[in-house]
């Protein structure tokens, strides 16, 4: 698997961050909380709900470190997107046949001290069967990565991003998007995959409940 050169990874990241900052500044009102909960050094697994195509650029803009990603292999179909995403620190994964290669690479990067962003729902989900809806399906691969990497885990909740492009709301007014990072946590000693899966799910649901209970500005 291609290893991104650090200087190119940083260049792509900060260019994308600037573009996102300009776009979000014009079309949206972004409220960020808990950004200091992301450890400044060492491997960190960020697990986030996924409600829109805006989520990756929003997280990339907001996080105070250069993140790596797991993303669906369909994004790598053209020569340009394959070149761009591999050099932007994105690991392709086939959701129909995940295999062990992408998971091992994700674990390797976490152990090497990088930040990895993971959407454990496995794709964009809204409604009752989502994290914000209260009954999400969390993929088993997320628990395996967390167990094998042994790094701090930071839950993240995004709210409002999907509504921003429903009914062309963004064109007429600056929609509110809220991004919240929860406190980092570690899996307990001798935790198995089922325990890791349950704990990660509970942490996401607890943070989602906290965010939804917060008054909208």
N, C-alpha and C. Protein backbone atom coordinates (compact mmCIF):
# COMPACT_ATOMS: atom_id res chain seq x y z
N UNK A 1 0.85 -1.20 0.00
CA UNK A 1 0.00 0.00 0.00
C UNK A 1 0.88 1.25 0.00
N UNK A 2 0.51 2.24 -0.81
CA UNK A 2 1.30 3.46 -0.94
C UNK A 2 1.36 4.23 0.37
N UNK A 3 2.59 4.64 0.74
CA UNK A 3 2.79 5.42 1.95
C UNK A 3 2.93 6.90 1.57
N UNK A 4 2.06 7.76 2.05
CA UNK A 4 2.14 9.18 1.67
C UNK A 4 3.40 9.83 2.21
N UNK A 5 4.05 10.64 1.37
CA UNK A 5 5.19 11.42 1.84
C UNK A 5 4.69 12.50 2.77
N UNK A 6 5.41 12.69 3.87
CA UNK A 6 4.91 13.57 4.92
C UNK A 6 4.74 15.01 4.43
N UNK A 7 5.72 15.51 3.67
CA UNK A 7 5.62 16.90 3.22
C UNK A 7 4.43 17.11 2.29
N UNK A 8 4.18 16.10 1.42
CA UNK A 8 3.05 16.21 0.51
C UNK A 8 1.73 16.05 1.24
N UNK A 9 1.72 15.16 2.23
CA UNK A 9 0.52 14.97 3.05
C UNK A 9 0.16 16.27 3.76
N UNK A 10 1.14 16.94 4.34
CA UNK A 10 0.90 18.20 5.05
C UNK A 10 0.44 19.29 4.07
N UNK A 11 1.09 19.35 2.90
CA UNK A 11 0.72 20.36 1.90
C UNK A 11 -0.72 20.18 1.44
N UNK A 12 -1.09 18.95 1.11
CA UNK A 12 -2.47 18.67 0.68
C UNK A 12 -3.45 18.98 1.80
N UNK A 13 -3.09 18.58 3.01
CA UNK A 13 -3.99 18.79 4.15
C UNK A 13 -4.26 20.27 4.38
N UNK A 14 -3.21 21.08 4.39
CA UNK A 14 -3.40 22.49 4.70
C UNK A 14 -4.05 23.24 3.54
N UNK A 15 -3.82 22.79 2.31
CA UNK A 15 -4.53 23.38 1.18
C UNK A 15 -6.02 23.08 1.27
N UNK A 16 -6.35 21.82 1.57
CA UNK A 16 -7.76 21.43 1.74
C UNK A 16 -8.38 22.13 2.93
N UNK A 17 -7.59 22.32 3.98
CA UNK A 17 -8.09 22.99 5.18
C UNK A 17 -8.44 24.44 4.89
N UNK A 18 -7.58 25.12 4.12
CA UNK A 18 -7.84 26.51 3.75
C UNK A 18 -9.09 26.62 2.88
N UNK A 19 -9.21 25.72 1.90
CA UNK A 19 -10.39 25.74 1.03
C UNK A 19 -11.67 25.50 1.84
N UNK A 20 -11.61 24.55 2.77
CA UNK A 20 -12.78 24.26 3.61
C UNK A 20 -13.10 25.44 4.51
N UNK A 21 -12.09 26.06 5.07
CA UNK A 21 -12.29 27.22 5.95
C UNK A 21 -13.00 28.34 5.20
N UNK A 22 -12.58 28.58 3.95
CA UNK A 22 -13.22 29.63 3.15
C UNK A 22 -14.67 29.26 2.82
N UNK A 23 -14.89 28.00 2.40
CA UNK A 23 -16.23 27.57 2.02
C UNK A 23 -17.18 27.56 3.21
N UNK A 24 -16.73 26.97 4.32
CA UNK A 24 -17.60 26.91 5.49
C UNK A 24 -17.85 28.30 6.06
N UNK A 25 -16.85 29.19 5.95
CA UNK A 25 -17.03 30.54 6.45
C UNK A 25 -18.08 31.33 5.70
N UNK A 26 -18.22 31.05 4.40
CA UNK A 26 -19.18 31.76 3.57
C UNK A 26 -20.59 31.19 3.73
N UNK A 27 -20.71 29.86 3.67
CA UNK A 27 -22.02 29.24 3.57
C UNK A 27 -22.60 28.74 4.90
N UNK A 28 -21.77 28.58 5.93
CA UNK A 28 -22.24 27.95 7.15
C UNK A 28 -21.79 28.72 8.39
N UNK A 29 -22.47 28.44 9.48
CA UNK A 29 -22.02 28.89 10.80
C UNK A 29 -21.57 27.65 11.56
N UNK A 30 -20.28 27.51 11.73
CA UNK A 30 -19.73 26.30 12.34
C UNK A 30 -19.42 26.56 13.81
N UNK A 31 -20.03 25.75 14.68
CA UNK A 31 -19.76 25.81 16.11
C UNK A 31 -18.89 24.61 16.49
N UNK A 32 -17.73 24.88 17.04
CA UNK A 32 -16.80 23.80 17.41
C UNK A 32 -16.62 23.78 18.92
N UNK A 33 -16.71 22.60 19.49
CA UNK A 33 -16.50 22.44 20.93
C UNK A 33 -15.61 21.23 21.18
N UNK A 34 -14.81 21.35 22.23
CA UNK A 34 -13.99 20.23 22.66
C UNK A 34 -12.78 19.95 21.79
N UNK A 35 -12.35 20.90 20.96
CA UNK A 35 -11.21 20.64 20.08
C UNK A 35 -9.94 20.34 20.88
N UNK A 36 -9.87 20.85 22.09
CA UNK A 36 -8.72 20.58 22.95
C UNK A 36 -8.69 19.16 23.48
N UNK A 37 -9.76 18.39 23.25
CA UNK A 37 -9.79 17.00 23.71
C UNK A 37 -8.95 16.07 22.83
N UNK A 38 -8.52 16.56 21.67
CA UNK A 38 -7.66 15.75 20.81
C UNK A 38 -6.23 15.82 21.33
N UNK A 39 -5.64 14.69 21.76
CA UNK A 39 -4.26 14.71 22.24
C UNK A 39 -3.32 15.30 21.20
N UNK A 40 -2.33 16.05 21.65
CA UNK A 40 -1.44 16.76 20.72
C UNK A 40 -0.39 15.85 20.10
N UNK A 41 -0.05 14.77 20.77
CA UNK A 41 0.97 13.86 20.25
C UNK A 41 0.48 12.42 20.39
N UNK A 42 1.09 11.53 19.61
CA UNK A 42 0.78 10.11 19.71
C UNK A 42 -0.41 9.70 18.87
N UNK A 43 -0.55 8.40 18.68
CA UNK A 43 -1.65 7.87 17.91
C UNK A 43 -2.99 8.13 18.57
N UNK A 44 -3.97 8.51 17.78
CA UNK A 44 -5.33 8.79 18.27
C UNK A 44 -6.33 8.29 17.23
N UNK A 45 -7.32 7.56 17.69
CA UNK A 45 -8.41 7.13 16.82
C UNK A 45 -9.62 8.02 17.06
N UNK A 46 -10.03 8.76 16.04
CA UNK A 46 -11.22 9.61 16.12
C UNK A 46 -12.37 8.85 15.48
N UNK A 47 -13.44 8.62 16.23
CA UNK A 47 -14.62 7.94 15.70
C UNK A 47 -15.76 8.95 15.63
N UNK A 48 -16.36 9.08 14.46
CA UNK A 48 -17.37 10.11 14.25
C UNK A 48 -18.61 9.54 13.58
N UNK A 49 -19.75 10.14 13.89
CA UNK A 49 -20.94 9.84 13.09
C UNK A 49 -20.75 10.43 11.69
N UNK A 50 -21.56 9.99 10.75
CA UNK A 50 -21.37 10.40 9.35
C UNK A 50 -22.73 10.69 8.75
N UNK A 51 -23.04 11.98 8.55
CA UNK A 51 -24.37 12.36 8.08
C UNK A 51 -24.37 13.07 6.74
N UNK A 52 -23.18 13.43 6.22
CA UNK A 52 -23.16 14.14 4.94
C UNK A 52 -21.77 14.10 4.32
N UNK A 53 -21.71 14.52 3.06
CA UNK A 53 -20.42 14.61 2.36
C UNK A 53 -19.56 15.73 2.93
N UNK A 54 -20.14 16.63 3.71
CA UNK A 54 -19.37 17.72 4.29
C UNK A 54 -18.52 17.27 5.49
N UNK A 55 -18.81 16.09 6.04
CA UNK A 55 -18.15 15.67 7.28
C UNK A 55 -16.63 15.59 7.18
N UNK A 56 -16.05 14.92 6.16
CA UNK A 56 -14.58 14.86 6.10
C UNK A 56 -13.90 16.22 6.00
N UNK A 57 -14.33 17.13 5.09
CA UNK A 57 -13.67 18.44 5.07
C UNK A 57 -13.88 19.23 6.36
N UNK A 58 -15.03 19.05 7.01
CA UNK A 58 -15.27 19.73 8.28
C UNK A 58 -14.30 19.25 9.35
N UNK A 59 -14.14 17.95 9.47
CA UNK A 59 -13.20 17.39 10.45
C UNK A 59 -11.77 17.78 10.10
N UNK A 60 -11.43 17.73 8.83
CA UNK A 60 -10.08 18.08 8.42
C UNK A 60 -9.75 19.53 8.78
N UNK A 61 -10.75 20.40 8.61
CA UNK A 61 -10.56 21.81 8.94
C UNK A 61 -10.43 22.03 10.44
N UNK A 62 -11.20 21.28 11.22
CA UNK A 62 -11.31 21.56 12.65
C UNK A 62 -10.23 20.91 13.50
N UNK A 63 -9.79 19.72 13.12
CA UNK A 63 -8.81 19.01 13.94
C UNK A 63 -7.47 19.74 13.91
N UNK A 64 -6.79 19.74 15.03
CA UNK A 64 -5.54 20.49 15.16
C UNK A 64 -4.31 19.67 14.78
N UNK A 65 -4.53 18.52 14.19
CA UNK A 65 -3.45 17.69 13.68
C UNK A 65 -3.82 17.19 12.28
N UNK A 66 -2.82 16.72 11.56
CA UNK A 66 -3.06 16.20 10.20
C UNK A 66 -3.62 14.78 10.32
N UNK A 67 -4.86 14.55 9.89
CA UNK A 67 -5.47 13.23 10.06
C UNK A 67 -5.23 12.31 8.87
N UNK A 68 -5.25 11.02 9.14
CA UNK A 68 -5.34 9.98 8.12
C UNK A 68 -6.78 9.46 8.16
N UNK A 69 -7.16 8.70 7.12
CA UNK A 69 -8.56 8.32 6.98
C UNK A 69 -8.72 6.90 6.45
N UNK A 70 -9.86 6.29 6.75
CA UNK A 70 -10.33 5.11 6.04
C UNK A 70 -11.52 5.55 5.20
N UNK A 71 -11.53 5.19 3.91
CA UNK A 71 -12.63 5.63 3.04
C UNK A 71 -12.95 4.56 2.02
N UNK A 72 -14.16 4.61 1.49
CA UNK A 72 -14.62 3.60 0.54
C UNK A 72 -13.78 3.62 -0.73
N UNK A 73 -13.51 2.43 -1.25
CA UNK A 73 -12.63 2.28 -2.41
C UNK A 73 -13.21 2.96 -3.65
N UNK A 74 -14.53 3.19 -3.67
CA UNK A 74 -15.15 3.84 -4.83
C UNK A 74 -14.59 5.23 -5.08
N UNK A 75 -14.03 5.86 -4.05
CA UNK A 75 -13.46 7.20 -4.22
C UNK A 75 -12.16 7.17 -5.01
N UNK A 76 -11.60 6.00 -5.23
CA UNK A 76 -10.29 5.86 -5.86
C UNK A 76 -10.38 5.41 -7.32
N UNK A 77 -11.54 5.52 -7.95
CA UNK A 77 -11.76 4.94 -9.27
C UNK A 77 -10.97 5.63 -10.38
N UNK A 78 -10.87 6.95 -10.36
CA UNK A 78 -10.14 7.66 -11.41
C UNK A 78 -8.67 7.80 -11.04
N UNK A 79 -7.84 8.05 -12.03
CA UNK A 79 -6.40 8.20 -11.78
C UNK A 79 -6.12 9.38 -10.86
N UNK A 80 -6.86 10.48 -11.08
CA UNK A 80 -6.61 11.66 -10.25
C UNK A 80 -7.01 11.43 -8.80
N UNK A 81 -8.22 10.90 -8.59
CA UNK A 81 -8.66 10.69 -7.20
C UNK A 81 -7.79 9.65 -6.51
N UNK A 82 -7.34 8.64 -7.25
CA UNK A 82 -6.43 7.65 -6.65
C UNK A 82 -5.14 8.33 -6.21
N UNK A 83 -4.57 9.16 -7.09
CA UNK A 83 -3.33 9.87 -6.75
C UNK A 83 -3.57 10.79 -5.55
N UNK A 84 -4.66 11.56 -5.60
CA UNK A 84 -4.91 12.56 -4.56
C UNK A 84 -5.16 11.92 -3.21
N UNK A 85 -6.07 10.97 -3.14
CA UNK A 85 -6.45 10.41 -1.84
C UNK A 85 -5.33 9.59 -1.21
N UNK A 86 -4.57 8.84 -2.00
CA UNK A 86 -3.47 8.08 -1.40
C UNK A 86 -2.43 9.01 -0.81
N UNK A 87 -2.19 10.14 -1.46
CA UNK A 87 -1.20 11.09 -0.95
C UNK A 87 -1.77 12.00 0.13
N UNK A 88 -3.07 11.95 0.31
CA UNK A 88 -3.71 12.71 1.40
C UNK A 88 -3.90 11.86 2.65
N UNK A 89 -3.29 10.69 2.66
CA UNK A 89 -3.35 9.85 3.86
C UNK A 89 -4.60 9.02 3.98
N UNK A 90 -5.29 8.77 2.86
CA UNK A 90 -6.54 8.01 2.89
C UNK A 90 -6.27 6.55 2.54
N UNK A 91 -6.79 5.65 3.34
CA UNK A 91 -6.66 4.21 3.13
C UNK A 91 -7.94 3.70 2.50
N UNK A 92 -7.89 3.11 1.29
CA UNK A 92 -9.11 2.61 0.66
C UNK A 92 -9.56 1.29 1.26
N UNK A 93 -10.87 1.15 1.42
CA UNK A 93 -11.41 -0.11 1.93
C UNK A 93 -12.66 -0.47 1.13
N UNK A 94 -12.72 -1.73 0.72
CA UNK A 94 -13.88 -2.25 -0.01
C UNK A 94 -14.90 -2.71 1.03
N UNK A 95 -16.01 -2.00 1.13
CA UNK A 95 -16.99 -2.31 2.17
C UNK A 95 -17.70 -3.64 1.94
N UNK A 96 -17.71 -4.12 0.70
CA UNK A 96 -18.34 -5.41 0.42
C UNK A 96 -17.43 -6.58 0.77
N UNK A 97 -16.09 -6.35 0.69
CA UNK A 97 -15.10 -7.36 1.05
C UNK A 97 -13.95 -6.65 1.77
N UNK A 98 -14.13 -6.31 3.04
CA UNK A 98 -13.16 -5.47 3.74
C UNK A 98 -11.74 -6.04 3.74
N UNK A 99 -11.57 -7.33 4.02
CA UNK A 99 -10.23 -7.91 4.08
C UNK A 99 -9.44 -7.36 5.25
N UNK A 100 -8.23 -7.87 5.42
CA UNK A 100 -7.40 -7.47 6.56
C UNK A 100 -6.40 -6.38 6.22
N UNK A 101 -6.10 -6.20 4.92
CA UNK A 101 -5.07 -5.23 4.53
C UNK A 101 -5.33 -3.81 5.00
N UNK A 102 -6.49 -3.22 4.70
CA UNK A 102 -6.76 -1.85 5.14
C UNK A 102 -6.78 -1.71 6.66
N UNK A 103 -7.29 -2.72 7.36
CA UNK A 103 -7.33 -2.65 8.82
C UNK A 103 -5.92 -2.69 9.40
N UNK A 104 -5.07 -3.54 8.84
CA UNK A 104 -3.68 -3.62 9.30
C UNK A 104 -2.95 -2.31 9.05
N UNK A 105 -3.21 -1.69 7.89
CA UNK A 105 -2.57 -0.42 7.59
C UNK A 105 -3.06 0.68 8.53
N UNK A 106 -4.35 0.68 8.85
CA UNK A 106 -4.88 1.65 9.81
C UNK A 106 -4.23 1.48 11.17
N UNK A 107 -4.08 0.24 11.61
CA UNK A 107 -3.44 -0.05 12.91
C UNK A 107 -1.99 0.39 12.89
N UNK A 108 -1.30 0.13 11.77
CA UNK A 108 0.12 0.52 11.66
C UNK A 108 0.28 2.03 11.78
N UNK A 109 -0.58 2.78 11.13
CA UNK A 109 -0.46 4.24 11.18
C UNK A 109 -0.77 4.77 12.58
N UNK A 110 -1.74 4.18 13.25
CA UNK A 110 -2.03 4.60 14.62
C UNK A 110 -0.84 4.31 15.53
N UNK A 111 -0.25 3.15 15.39
CA UNK A 111 0.91 2.79 16.21
C UNK A 111 2.11 3.67 15.90
N UNK A 112 2.15 4.21 14.68
CA UNK A 112 3.25 5.10 14.29
C UNK A 112 3.04 6.52 14.81
N UNK A 113 1.92 6.76 15.49
CA UNK A 113 1.70 8.06 16.12
C UNK A 113 0.81 9.02 15.37
N UNK A 114 0.08 8.52 14.36
CA UNK A 114 -0.78 9.39 13.57
C UNK A 114 -2.20 9.44 14.14
N UNK A 115 -2.95 10.44 13.70
CA UNK A 115 -4.38 10.52 13.97
C UNK A 115 -5.11 9.83 12.82
N UNK A 116 -6.04 8.95 13.14
CA UNK A 116 -6.85 8.28 12.12
C UNK A 116 -8.31 8.58 12.39
N UNK A 117 -9.02 9.08 11.38
CA UNK A 117 -10.45 9.34 11.50
C UNK A 117 -11.21 8.18 10.89
N UNK A 118 -12.19 7.69 11.62
CA UNK A 118 -12.96 6.53 11.20
C UNK A 118 -14.45 6.83 11.38
N UNK A 119 -15.24 6.49 10.38
CA UNK A 119 -16.70 6.59 10.48
C UNK A 119 -17.23 5.18 10.72
N UNK A 120 -17.41 4.77 11.97
CA UNK A 120 -17.72 3.37 12.27
C UNK A 120 -19.10 2.90 11.81
N UNK A 121 -19.96 3.81 11.36
CA UNK A 121 -21.23 3.38 10.79
C UNK A 121 -21.05 2.81 9.38
N UNK A 122 -19.87 3.04 8.79
CA UNK A 122 -19.57 2.46 7.49
C UNK A 122 -20.10 3.23 6.30
N UNK A 123 -20.56 4.43 6.50
CA UNK A 123 -21.11 5.24 5.42
C UNK A 123 -22.01 6.31 5.99
N UNK A 124 -22.65 7.07 5.11
CA UNK A 124 -23.55 8.14 5.54
C UNK A 124 -24.87 7.55 6.04
N UNK A 125 -25.24 7.93 7.26
CA UNK A 125 -26.48 7.41 7.86
C UNK A 125 -27.22 8.54 8.56
N UNK A 126 -28.52 8.61 8.30
CA UNK A 126 -29.38 9.57 8.95
C UNK A 126 -30.65 8.84 9.37
N UNK A 127 -31.44 9.45 10.24
CA UNK A 127 -32.68 8.80 10.65
C UNK A 127 -32.51 7.92 11.87
N UNK A 128 -33.48 7.06 12.16
CA UNK A 128 -33.47 6.25 13.39
C UNK A 128 -32.26 5.32 13.52
N UNK A 129 -31.75 4.77 12.39
CA UNK A 129 -30.64 3.83 12.45
C UNK A 129 -29.29 4.53 12.33
N UNK A 130 -29.19 5.69 12.93
CA UNK A 130 -27.94 6.45 12.93
C UNK A 130 -27.55 6.78 14.36
N UNK A 131 -26.36 7.31 14.54
CA UNK A 131 -25.91 7.70 15.87
C UNK A 131 -26.83 8.77 16.44
N UNK A 132 -27.15 9.79 15.65
CA UNK A 132 -28.05 10.84 16.13
C UNK A 132 -29.47 10.31 16.32
N UNK A 133 -29.84 9.27 15.57
CA UNK A 133 -31.17 8.68 15.70
C UNK A 133 -31.29 7.76 16.89
N UNK A 134 -30.14 7.33 17.46
CA UNK A 134 -30.16 6.54 18.68
C UNK A 134 -30.03 5.04 18.52
N UNK A 135 -30.01 4.54 17.28
CA UNK A 135 -29.91 3.09 17.09
C UNK A 135 -28.98 2.77 15.91
N UNK A 136 -27.70 3.10 16.05
CA UNK A 136 -26.77 2.90 14.93
C UNK A 136 -26.25 1.47 14.84
N UNK A 137 -25.84 1.10 13.64
CA UNK A 137 -25.12 -0.15 13.44
C UNK A 137 -23.64 0.19 13.31
N UNK A 138 -22.86 -0.21 14.30
CA UNK A 138 -21.43 0.07 14.30
C UNK A 138 -20.69 -1.14 13.73
N UNK A 139 -19.82 -0.91 12.76
CA UNK A 139 -19.11 -1.99 12.12
C UNK A 139 -18.07 -2.61 13.05
N UNK A 140 -17.88 -3.92 12.90
CA UNK A 140 -16.95 -4.65 13.77
C UNK A 140 -15.50 -4.23 13.55
N UNK A 141 -15.17 -3.79 12.32
CA UNK A 141 -13.80 -3.40 12.03
C UNK A 141 -13.30 -2.27 12.91
N UNK A 142 -14.19 -1.37 13.30
CA UNK A 142 -13.80 -0.25 14.15
C UNK A 142 -13.31 -0.75 15.50
N UNK A 143 -14.00 -1.74 16.06
CA UNK A 143 -13.59 -2.31 17.34
C UNK A 143 -12.26 -3.04 17.22
N UNK A 144 -12.05 -3.74 16.11
CA UNK A 144 -10.80 -4.47 15.90
C UNK A 144 -9.62 -3.51 15.82
N UNK A 145 -9.79 -2.42 15.08
CA UNK A 145 -8.72 -1.42 14.98
C UNK A 145 -8.40 -0.85 16.35
N UNK A 146 -9.43 -0.50 17.10
CA UNK A 146 -9.22 0.08 18.43
C UNK A 146 -8.50 -0.90 19.36
N UNK A 147 -8.87 -2.16 19.30
CA UNK A 147 -8.25 -3.18 20.16
C UNK A 147 -6.78 -3.36 19.82
N UNK A 148 -6.49 -3.51 18.53
CA UNK A 148 -5.13 -3.82 18.11
C UNK A 148 -4.18 -2.62 18.23
N UNK A 149 -4.71 -1.42 18.02
CA UNK A 149 -3.84 -0.23 18.05
C UNK A 149 -3.50 0.18 19.48
N UNK A 150 -4.46 0.05 20.40
CA UNK A 150 -4.21 0.40 21.79
C UNK A 150 -3.95 1.86 22.03
N UNK A 151 -4.60 2.74 21.26
CA UNK A 151 -4.39 4.18 21.40
C UNK A 151 -5.64 4.83 21.98
N UNK A 152 -5.53 6.08 22.45
CA UNK A 152 -6.72 6.79 22.92
C UNK A 152 -7.75 6.94 21.80
N UNK A 153 -9.02 6.93 22.19
CA UNK A 153 -10.13 7.06 21.24
C UNK A 153 -10.89 8.34 21.58
N UNK A 154 -11.14 9.15 20.57
CA UNK A 154 -11.88 10.41 20.77
C UNK A 154 -13.17 10.35 19.96
N UNK A 155 -14.33 10.38 20.63
CA UNK A 155 -15.61 10.39 19.90
C UNK A 155 -15.90 11.79 19.35
N UNK A 156 -16.54 11.84 18.20
CA UNK A 156 -16.91 13.11 17.58
C UNK A 156 -18.35 13.04 17.08
N UNK A 157 -19.07 14.12 17.26
CA UNK A 157 -20.45 14.20 16.78
C UNK A 157 -20.61 15.45 15.91
N UNK A 158 -21.18 15.22 14.72
CA UNK A 158 -21.49 16.31 13.79
C UNK A 158 -23.01 16.40 13.69
N UNK A 159 -23.52 17.60 13.82
CA UNK A 159 -24.96 17.83 13.72
C UNK A 159 -25.23 19.02 12.82
N UNK A 160 -26.21 18.88 11.93
CA UNK A 160 -26.62 19.99 11.09
C UNK A 160 -26.06 19.97 9.68
N UNK A 161 -25.03 19.15 9.43
CA UNK A 161 -24.39 19.16 8.11
C UNK A 161 -25.34 18.67 7.03
N UNK A 162 -26.14 17.65 7.34
CA UNK A 162 -27.05 17.12 6.33
C UNK A 162 -28.15 18.12 5.99
N UNK A 163 -28.67 18.80 7.00
CA UNK A 163 -29.73 19.78 6.75
C UNK A 163 -29.23 20.94 5.89
N UNK A 164 -27.91 21.14 5.87
CA UNK A 164 -27.36 22.28 5.15
C UNK A 164 -27.54 22.17 3.65
N UNK A 165 -27.71 20.95 3.12
CA UNK A 165 -27.94 20.86 1.68
C UNK A 165 -29.28 20.22 1.33
N UNK A 166 -30.18 20.11 2.31
CA UNK A 166 -31.54 19.65 2.04
C UNK A 166 -32.40 20.87 1.70
N UNK A 167 -33.05 20.83 0.57
CA UNK A 167 -33.89 21.96 0.16
C UNK A 167 -33.10 23.20 -0.19
N UNK A 168 -31.82 23.04 -0.51
CA UNK A 168 -30.94 24.15 -0.90
C UNK A 168 -30.88 25.23 0.17
N UNK A 169 -30.95 24.81 1.42
CA UNK A 169 -30.91 25.79 2.51
C UNK A 169 -29.64 26.63 2.48
N UNK A 170 -28.52 25.98 2.12
CA UNK A 170 -27.23 26.67 2.17
C UNK A 170 -27.20 27.88 1.23
N UNK A 171 -27.99 27.82 0.15
CA UNK A 171 -27.95 28.89 -0.84
C UNK A 171 -28.60 30.16 -0.31
N UNK A 172 -29.56 30.01 0.58
CA UNK A 172 -30.34 31.15 1.03
C UNK A 172 -29.90 31.68 2.40
N UNK A 173 -29.31 30.83 3.21
CA UNK A 173 -28.92 31.30 4.54
C UNK A 173 -27.74 30.47 5.04
N UNK A 174 -27.02 31.02 6.00
CA UNK A 174 -25.86 30.33 6.56
C UNK A 174 -26.35 29.34 7.61
N UNK A 175 -26.36 28.08 7.26
CA UNK A 175 -26.87 27.04 8.15
C UNK A 175 -25.87 26.77 9.28
N UNK A 176 -26.40 26.33 10.40
CA UNK A 176 -25.57 26.03 11.56
C UNK A 176 -25.12 24.57 11.52
N UNK A 177 -23.83 24.36 11.70
CA UNK A 177 -23.26 23.02 11.82
C UNK A 177 -22.49 22.97 13.14
N UNK A 178 -22.72 21.92 13.91
CA UNK A 178 -22.04 21.79 15.20
C UNK A 178 -21.14 20.56 15.19
N UNK A 179 -19.89 20.77 15.55
CA UNK A 179 -18.92 19.68 15.68
C UNK A 179 -18.42 19.66 17.12
N UNK A 180 -18.56 18.51 17.76
CA UNK A 180 -18.15 18.36 19.15
C UNK A 180 -17.23 17.16 19.29
N UNK A 181 -16.09 17.36 19.94
CA UNK A 181 -15.20 16.26 20.30
C UNK A 181 -15.40 15.93 21.77
N UNK A 182 -15.60 14.66 22.07
CA UNK A 182 -15.72 14.24 23.46
C UNK A 182 -14.36 14.00 24.08
N UNK A 183 -14.36 13.66 25.34
CA UNK A 183 -13.11 13.38 26.03
C UNK A 183 -12.53 12.05 25.56
N UNK A 184 -11.19 11.98 25.45
CA UNK A 184 -10.58 10.72 25.01
C UNK A 184 -10.77 9.62 26.05
N UNK A 185 -10.88 8.40 25.57
CA UNK A 185 -10.99 7.25 26.47
C UNK A 185 -10.15 6.10 25.95
N UNK A 186 -9.84 5.17 26.81
CA UNK A 186 -9.07 3.97 26.45
C UNK A 186 -9.93 2.74 26.68
N UNK A 187 -9.71 1.73 25.91
CA UNK A 187 -10.38 0.46 26.16
C UNK A 187 -9.78 -0.16 27.42
N UNK A 188 -10.58 -0.76 28.27
CA UNK A 188 -10.05 -1.35 29.51
C UNK A 188 -9.18 -2.57 29.22
N UNK A 189 -8.30 -2.93 30.15
CA UNK A 189 -7.47 -4.13 29.98
C UNK A 189 -8.34 -5.37 29.77
N UNK A 190 -7.85 -6.28 28.96
CA UNK A 190 -8.52 -7.55 28.66
C UNK A 190 -9.89 -7.35 28.00
N UNK A 191 -10.08 -6.21 27.38
CA UNK A 191 -11.34 -5.96 26.67
C UNK A 191 -11.37 -6.81 25.40
N UNK A 192 -12.50 -7.44 25.11
CA UNK A 192 -12.62 -8.21 23.88
C UNK A 192 -13.32 -7.37 22.81
N UNK A 193 -13.52 -7.97 21.62
CA UNK A 193 -14.09 -7.20 20.52
C UNK A 193 -15.51 -6.76 20.83
N UNK A 194 -16.30 -7.63 21.46
CA UNK A 194 -17.68 -7.27 21.79
C UNK A 194 -17.71 -6.11 22.79
N UNK A 195 -16.80 -6.15 23.77
CA UNK A 195 -16.74 -5.08 24.75
C UNK A 195 -16.31 -3.76 24.13
N UNK A 196 -15.32 -3.83 23.22
CA UNK A 196 -14.86 -2.62 22.54
C UNK A 196 -15.97 -2.04 21.68
N UNK A 197 -16.67 -2.91 20.98
CA UNK A 197 -17.78 -2.48 20.13
C UNK A 197 -18.85 -1.77 20.95
N UNK A 198 -19.22 -2.36 22.08
CA UNK A 198 -20.27 -1.79 22.93
C UNK A 198 -19.84 -0.46 23.53
N UNK A 199 -18.57 -0.38 23.98
CA UNK A 199 -18.09 0.84 24.61
C UNK A 199 -18.03 1.98 23.60
N UNK A 200 -17.54 1.71 22.40
CA UNK A 200 -17.46 2.75 21.38
C UNK A 200 -18.86 3.24 21.00
N UNK A 201 -19.79 2.32 20.88
CA UNK A 201 -21.17 2.69 20.56
C UNK A 201 -21.77 3.55 21.67
N UNK A 202 -21.55 3.14 22.92
CA UNK A 202 -22.09 3.88 24.06
C UNK A 202 -21.51 5.29 24.14
N UNK A 203 -20.21 5.43 23.88
CA UNK A 203 -19.57 6.74 23.94
C UNK A 203 -20.13 7.67 22.87
N UNK A 204 -20.33 7.16 21.66
CA UNK A 204 -20.91 7.97 20.60
C UNK A 204 -22.34 8.39 20.93
N UNK A 205 -23.14 7.45 21.44
CA UNK A 205 -24.53 7.76 21.77
C UNK A 205 -24.62 8.76 22.92
N UNK A 206 -23.74 8.62 23.91
CA UNK A 206 -23.75 9.56 25.04
C UNK A 206 -23.39 10.97 24.58
N UNK A 207 -22.39 11.08 23.71
CA UNK A 207 -22.00 12.40 23.22
C UNK A 207 -23.10 12.98 22.32
N UNK A 208 -23.74 12.14 21.52
CA UNK A 208 -24.84 12.61 20.67
C UNK A 208 -25.99 13.15 21.52
N UNK A 209 -26.32 12.46 22.60
CA UNK A 209 -27.38 12.92 23.49
C UNK A 209 -27.02 14.26 24.12
N UNK A 210 -25.76 14.42 24.48
CA UNK A 210 -25.30 15.68 25.07
C UNK A 210 -25.41 16.82 24.06
N UNK A 211 -25.02 16.55 22.82
CA UNK A 211 -25.07 17.58 21.78
C UNK A 211 -26.52 17.97 21.47
N UNK A 212 -27.40 16.99 21.37
CA UNK A 212 -28.80 17.28 21.04
C UNK A 212 -29.50 18.04 22.16
N UNK A 213 -29.05 17.84 23.40
CA UNK A 213 -29.66 18.54 24.53
C UNK A 213 -29.17 19.98 24.66
N UNK A 214 -28.12 20.31 23.95
CA UNK A 214 -27.54 21.65 24.04
C UNK A 214 -28.38 22.62 23.22
N UNK A 215 -28.71 23.80 23.75
CA UNK A 215 -29.49 24.78 22.99
C UNK A 215 -28.75 25.21 21.73
N UNK A 216 -29.48 25.40 20.65
CA UNK A 216 -28.90 25.88 19.40
C UNK A 216 -28.77 27.39 19.45
N UNK A 217 -27.60 27.86 19.06
CA UNK A 217 -27.40 29.31 19.08
C UNK A 217 -28.10 29.99 17.91
